[in-house]
Amino acid sequence: MIEIYRALPEDADKLSGIAVAAKRSWNYPESWMEAWTPLLTFRPEDIQGSIVFKALVDGETAGFYRLIMHEPRAVLEDLWVMPNFMGRGIGKVLFEHALSFCRSVKVTVMELEADPNALGFYEKMGMHKVGEKHTEVNGQPRILPIMEISL
């Protein structure tokens, strides 16, 4: 059974570990992972000052999401599932919870910049691509799909 709870500041290290492990599961070069790790690292104050929910499976934190509010829009800044829990519907439950939360606070659109490896997941969840962000990691170009869903 998947249970969703508000994350606490003391969850910061655990959530950081989940984000890094999930990103690493896509087999990016280690030099890219080193560049991204600071962006995937959460401090207690990052959680205290944000909307962060975690998924527990048998008492173990299996994943989480973080929303940034720009009303009437929200940005799904993070949604990560620990690799050993992937494929069990946890990402879907977290995503649906994020949608429900957004609706409860009258958000009309949820958006995100997707990792290219997650594009199919977000499309399956009903999001559609509305643009692209051109970026680079260690001199290598990357194109991140910008996606949104109307609520």
C-alpha atoms as a PDB file:
ATOM      1  CA  MET A   1       0.000   0.000   0.000  1.00  0.00           C
ATOM      2  CA  ILE A   2       1.244   3.456  -0.939  1.00  0.00           C
ATOM      3  CA  GLU A   3       0.702   6.181   1.640  1.00  0.00           C
ATOM      4  CA  ILE A   4       1.300   9.879   0.936  1.00  0.00           C
ATOM      5  CA  TYR A   5       2.439  12.253   3.687  1.00  0.00           C
ATOM      6  CA  ARG A   6       3.790  15.779   3.836  1.00  0.00           C
ATOM      7  CA  ALA A   7       7.602  15.596   3.914  1.00  0.00           C
ATOM      8  CA  LEU A   8       9.373  16.982   6.958  1.00  0.00           C
ATOM      9  CA  PRO A   9      12.628  18.956   7.135  1.00  0.00           C
ATOM     10  CA  GLU A  10      14.347  15.920   8.646  1.00  0.00           C
ATOM     11  CA  ASP A  11      13.564  13.991   5.421  1.00  0.00           C
ATOM     12  CA  ALA A  12      16.027  16.144   3.444  1.00  0.00           C
ATOM     13  CA  ASP A  13      18.883  13.621   3.285  1.00  0.00           C
ATOM     14  CA  LYS A  14      16.559  10.744   2.372  1.00  0.00           C
ATOM     15  CA  LEU A  15      14.886  12.753  -0.393  1.00  0.00           C
ATOM     16  CA  SER A  16      18.263  13.855  -1.746  1.00  0.00           C
ATOM     17  CA  GLY A  17      19.349  10.227  -1.896  1.00  0.00           C
ATOM     18  CA  ILE A  18      16.197   9.266  -3.786  1.00  0.00           C
ATOM     19  CA  ALA A  19      16.633  12.075  -6.332  1.00  0.00           C
ATOM     20  CA  VAL A  20      20.280  11.215  -7.012  1.00  0.00           C
ATOM     21  CA  ALA A  21      19.618   7.467  -7.221  1.00  0.00           C
ATOM     22  CA  ALA A  22      16.661   7.965  -9.574  1.00  0.00           C
ATOM     23  CA  LYS A  23      18.630  10.287 -11.875  1.00  0.00           C
ATOM     24  CA  ARG A  24      21.590   7.888 -11.827  1.00  0.00           C
ATOM     25  CA  SER A  25      19.308   5.000 -12.876  1.00  0.00           C
ATOM     26  CA  TRP A  26      19.152   6.536 -16.361  1.00  0.00           C
ATOM     27  CA  ASN A  27      22.876   5.832 -16.780  1.00  0.00           C
ATOM     28  CA  TYR A  28      24.027   9.386 -17.314  1.00  0.00           C
ATOM     29  CA  PRO A  29      27.803   9.950 -17.374  1.00  0.00           C
ATOM     30  CA  GLU A  30      29.278  10.303 -13.904  1.00  0.00           C
ATOM     31  CA  SER A  31      30.549  13.788 -14.772  1.00  0.00           C
ATOM     32  CA  TRP A  32      26.926  14.829 -15.436  1.00  0.00           C
ATOM     33  CA  MET A  33      25.823  13.309 -12.137  1.00  0.00           C
ATOM     34  CA  GLU A  34      28.508  15.300 -10.334  1.00  0.00           C
ATOM     35  CA  ALA A  35      27.216  18.484 -11.996  1.00  0.00           C
ATOM     36  CA  TRP A  36      23.603  17.673 -11.067  1.00  0.00           C
ATOM     37  CA  THR A  37      24.100  16.451  -7.501  1.00  0.00           C
ATOM     38  CA  PRO A  38      23.966  19.952  -5.949  1.00  0.00           C
ATOM     39  CA  LEU A  39      20.653  20.535  -7.753  1.00  0.00           C
ATOM     40  CA  LEU A  40      19.310  17.218  -6.449  1.00  0.00           C
ATOM     41  CA  THR A  41      20.393  17.868  -2.862  1.00  0.00           C
ATOM     42  CA  PHE A  42      17.790  19.161  -0.429  1.00  0.00           C
ATOM     43  CA  ARG A  43      18.339  20.977   2.839  1.00  0.00           C
ATOM     44  CA  PRO A  44      15.803  20.939   5.680  1.00  0.00           C
ATOM     45  CA  GLU A  45      14.827  24.533   4.887  1.00  0.00           C
ATOM     46  CA  ASP A  46      14.122  23.564   1.257  1.00  0.00           C
ATOM     47  CA  ILE A  47      11.440  21.207   2.507  1.00  0.00           C
ATOM     48  CA  GLN A  48      10.101  23.438   5.243  1.00  0.00           C
ATOM     49  CA  GLY A  49       9.556  26.286   2.801  1.00  0.00           C
ATOM     50  CA  SER A  50       8.047  24.193  -0.014  1.00  0.00           C
ATOM     51  CA  ILE A  51       5.190  21.891  -0.844  1.00  0.00           C
ATOM     52  CA  VAL A  52       6.801  18.454  -0.648  1.00  0.00           C
ATOM     53  CA  PHE A  53       4.985  15.139  -0.292  1.00  0.00           C
ATOM     54  CA  LYS A  54       6.555  11.711   0.110  1.00  0.00           C
ATOM     55  CA  ALA A  55       5.285   8.238  -0.718  1.00  0.00           C
ATOM     56  CA  LEU A  56       5.752   5.505   1.862  1.00  0.00           C
ATOM     57  CA  VAL A  57       5.580   1.809   1.045  1.00  0.00           C
ATOM     58  CA  ASP A  58       5.658  -0.457   4.100  1.00  0.00           C
ATOM     59  CA  GLY A  59       7.076   2.446   6.087  1.00  0.00           C
ATOM     60  CA  GLU A  60       9.929   3.103   3.653  1.00  0.00           C
ATOM     61  CA  THR A  61      10.192   6.347   1.696  1.00  0.00           C
ATOM     62  CA  ALA A  62       9.855   5.276  -1.931  1.00  0.00           C
ATOM     63  CA  GLY A  63       9.541   8.626  -3.700  1.00  0.00           C
ATOM     64  CA  PHE A  64       8.479  12.250  -3.456  1.00  0.00           C
ATOM     65  CA  TYR A  65       7.386  15.323  -5.324  1.00  0.00           C
ATOM     66  CA  ARG A  66       7.894  19.055  -4.842  1.00  0.00           C
ATOM     67  CA  LEU A  67       5.666  21.838  -6.142  1.00  0.00           C
ATOM     68  CA  ILE A  68       6.559  25.481  -6.600  1.00  0.00           C
ATOM     69  CA  MET A  69       3.524  27.757  -6.685  1.00  0.00           C
ATOM     70  CA  HIS A  70       3.250  30.582  -9.216  1.00  0.00           C
ATOM     71  CA  GLU A  71      -0.504  31.000  -8.939  1.00  0.00           C
ATOM     72  CA  PRO A  72      -2.588  30.333 -10.859  1.00  0.00           C
ATOM     73  CA  ARG A  73       0.110  27.925 -12.079  1.00  0.00           C
ATOM     74  CA  ALA A  74       2.260  25.397 -10.277  1.00  0.00           C
ATOM     75  CA  VAL A  75       5.608  23.938 -11.312  1.00  0.00           C
ATOM     76  CA  LEU A  76       6.244  20.288 -10.565  1.00  0.00           C
ATOM     77  CA  GLU A  77       9.894  20.895  -9.770  1.00  0.00           C
ATOM     78  CA  ASP A  78      10.702  17.354  -8.651  1.00  0.00           C
ATOM     79  CA  LEU A  79       9.110  13.918  -8.864  1.00  0.00           C
ATOM     80  CA  TRP A  80      11.458  11.065  -8.057  1.00  0.00           C
ATOM     81  CA  VAL A  81      11.027   7.379  -7.242  1.00  0.00           C
ATOM     82  CA  MET A  82      13.741   5.212  -5.729  1.00  0.00           C
ATOM     83  CA  PRO A  83      14.923   2.769  -8.438  1.00  0.00           C
ATOM     84  CA  ASN A  84      14.046  -0.362  -6.443  1.00  0.00           C
ATOM     85  CA  PHE A  85      10.434   0.921  -6.243  1.00  0.00           C
ATOM     86  CA  MET A  86      10.094   1.881  -9.927  1.00  0.00           C
ATOM     87  CA  GLY A  87       7.434   0.103 -11.950  1.00  0.00           C
ATOM     88  CA  ARG A  88       5.012  -0.246  -9.026  1.00  0.00           C
ATOM     89  CA  GLY A  89       2.785   2.742  -9.750  1.00  0.00           C
ATOM     90  CA  ILE A  90       4.378   5.037  -7.167  1.00  0.00           C
ATOM     91  CA  GLY A  91       5.183   7.749  -9.703  1.00  0.00           C
ATOM     92  CA  LYS A  92       1.574   7.682 -10.912  1.00  0.00           C
ATOM     93  CA  VAL A  93       0.219   7.955  -7.353  1.00  0.00           C
ATOM     94  CA  LEU A  94       2.563  10.863  -6.595  1.00  0.00           C
ATOM     95  CA  PHE A  95       1.641  12.616  -9.845  1.00  0.00           C
ATOM     96  CA  GLU A  96      -2.083  12.191  -9.216  1.00  0.00           C
ATOM     97  CA  HIS A  97      -1.628  13.486  -5.666  1.00  0.00           C
ATOM     98  CA  ALA A  98       0.152  16.554  -7.033  1.00  0.00           C
ATOM     99  CA  LEU A  99      -2.757  17.174  -9.433  1.00  0.00           C
ATOM    100  CA  SER A 100      -5.251  16.801  -6.600  1.00  0.00           C
ATOM    101  CA  PHE A 101      -3.276  19.183  -4.391  1.00  0.00           C
ATOM    102  CA  CYS A 102      -3.124  21.749  -7.208  1.00  0.00           C
ATOM    103  CA  ARG A 103      -6.857  21.529  -7.785  1.00  0.00           C
ATOM    104  CA  SER A 104      -7.495  21.993  -4.048  1.00  0.00           C
ATOM    105  CA  VAL A 105      -5.658  25.333  -4.072  1.00  0.00           C
ATOM    106  CA  LYS A 106      -7.263  26.468  -7.345  1.00  0.00           C
ATOM    107  CA  VAL A 107      -4.199  26.068  -9.573  1.00  0.00           C
ATOM    108  CA  THR A 108      -5.301  25.999 -13.216  1.00  0.00           C
ATOM    109  CA  VAL A 109      -2.135  24.657 -14.901  1.00  0.00           C
ATOM    110  CA  MET A 110       0.686  22.428 -13.675  1.00  0.00           C
ATOM    111  CA  GLU A 111       3.905  22.601 -15.688  1.00  0.00           C
ATOM    112  CA  LEU A 112       7.380  21.085 -15.623  1.00  0.00           C
ATOM    113  CA  GLU A 113      10.663  20.685 -17.444  1.00  0.00           C
ATOM    114  CA  ALA A 114      10.946  16.965 -18.080  1.00  0.00           C
ATOM    115  CA  ASP A 115      14.053  14.883 -18.202  1.00  0.00           C
ATOM    116  CA  PRO A 116      13.930  13.378 -21.715  1.00  0.00           C
ATOM    117  CA  ASN A 117      13.826   9.913 -20.129  1.00  0.00           C
ATOM    118  CA  ALA A 118      10.597  10.842 -18.301  1.00  0.00           C
ATOM    119  CA  LEU A 119       8.786  12.302 -21.322  1.00  0.00           C
ATOM    120  CA  GLY A 120       6.762   9.126 -21.959  1.00  0.00           C
ATOM    121  CA  PHE A 121       5.669   8.915 -18.314  1.00  0.00           C
ATOM    122  CA  TYR A 122       4.382  12.479 -18.289  1.00  0.00           C
ATOM    123  CA  GLU A 123       2.611  12.033 -21.615  1.00  0.00           C
ATOM    124  CA  LYS A 124       0.932   8.930 -20.195  1.00  0.00           C
ATOM    125  CA  MET A 125      -0.179  11.060 -17.229  1.00  0.00           C
ATOM    126  CA  GLY A 126      -1.941  13.451 -19.623  1.00  0.00           C
ATOM    127  CA  MET A 127       0.640  16.211 -19.962  1.00  0.00           C
ATOM    128  CA  HIS A 128       1.526  17.656 -23.335  1.00  0.00           C
ATOM    129  CA  LYS A 129       4.650  19.309 -24.630  1.00  0.00           C
ATOM    130  CA  VAL A 130       4.371  23.090 -25.016  1.00  0.00           C
ATOM    131  CA  GLY A 131       8.004  23.983 -25.669  1.00  0.00           C
ATOM    132  CA  GLU A 132      11.658  23.156 -25.146  1.00  0.00           C
ATOM    133  CA  LYS A 133      14.482  24.421 -23.004  1.00  0.00           C
ATOM    134  CA  HIS A 134      17.925  24.265 -24.594  1.00  0.00           C
ATOM    135  CA  THR A 135      20.656  23.720 -22.051  1.00  0.00           C
ATOM    136  CA  GLU A 136      23.975  21.925 -21.671  1.00  0.00           C
ATOM    137  CA  VAL A 137      25.789  19.759 -19.174  1.00  0.00           C
ATOM    138  CA  ASN A 138      29.583  19.817 -19.200  1.00  0.00           C
ATOM    139  CA  GLY A 139      29.546  21.272 -22.712  1.00  0.00           C
ATOM    140  CA  GLN A 140      27.066  18.706 -24.080  1.00  0.00           C
ATOM    141  CA  PRO A 141      23.795  20.151 -25.438  1.00  0.00           C
ATOM    142  CA  ARG A 142      20.507  18.900 -23.994  1.00  0.00           C
ATOM    143  CA  ILE A 143      16.933  19.666 -24.910  1.00  0.00           C
ATOM    144  CA  LEU A 144      14.397  19.456 -22.096  1.00  0.00           C
ATOM    145  CA  PRO A 145      10.715  19.207 -23.011  1.00  0.00           C
ATOM    146  CA  ILE A 146       8.505  21.789 -21.284  1.00  0.00           C
ATOM    147  CA  MET A 147       5.166  20.185 -20.471  1.00  0.00           C
ATOM    148  CA  GLU A 148       1.894  21.208 -18.925  1.00  0.00           C
ATOM    149  CA  ILE A 149      -1.542  19.944 -18.001  1.00  0.00           C
ATOM    150  CA  SER A 150      -4.682  22.006 -17.509  1.00  0.00           C
ATOM    151  CA  LEU A 151      -6.609  21.354 -14.324  1.00  0.00           C
END
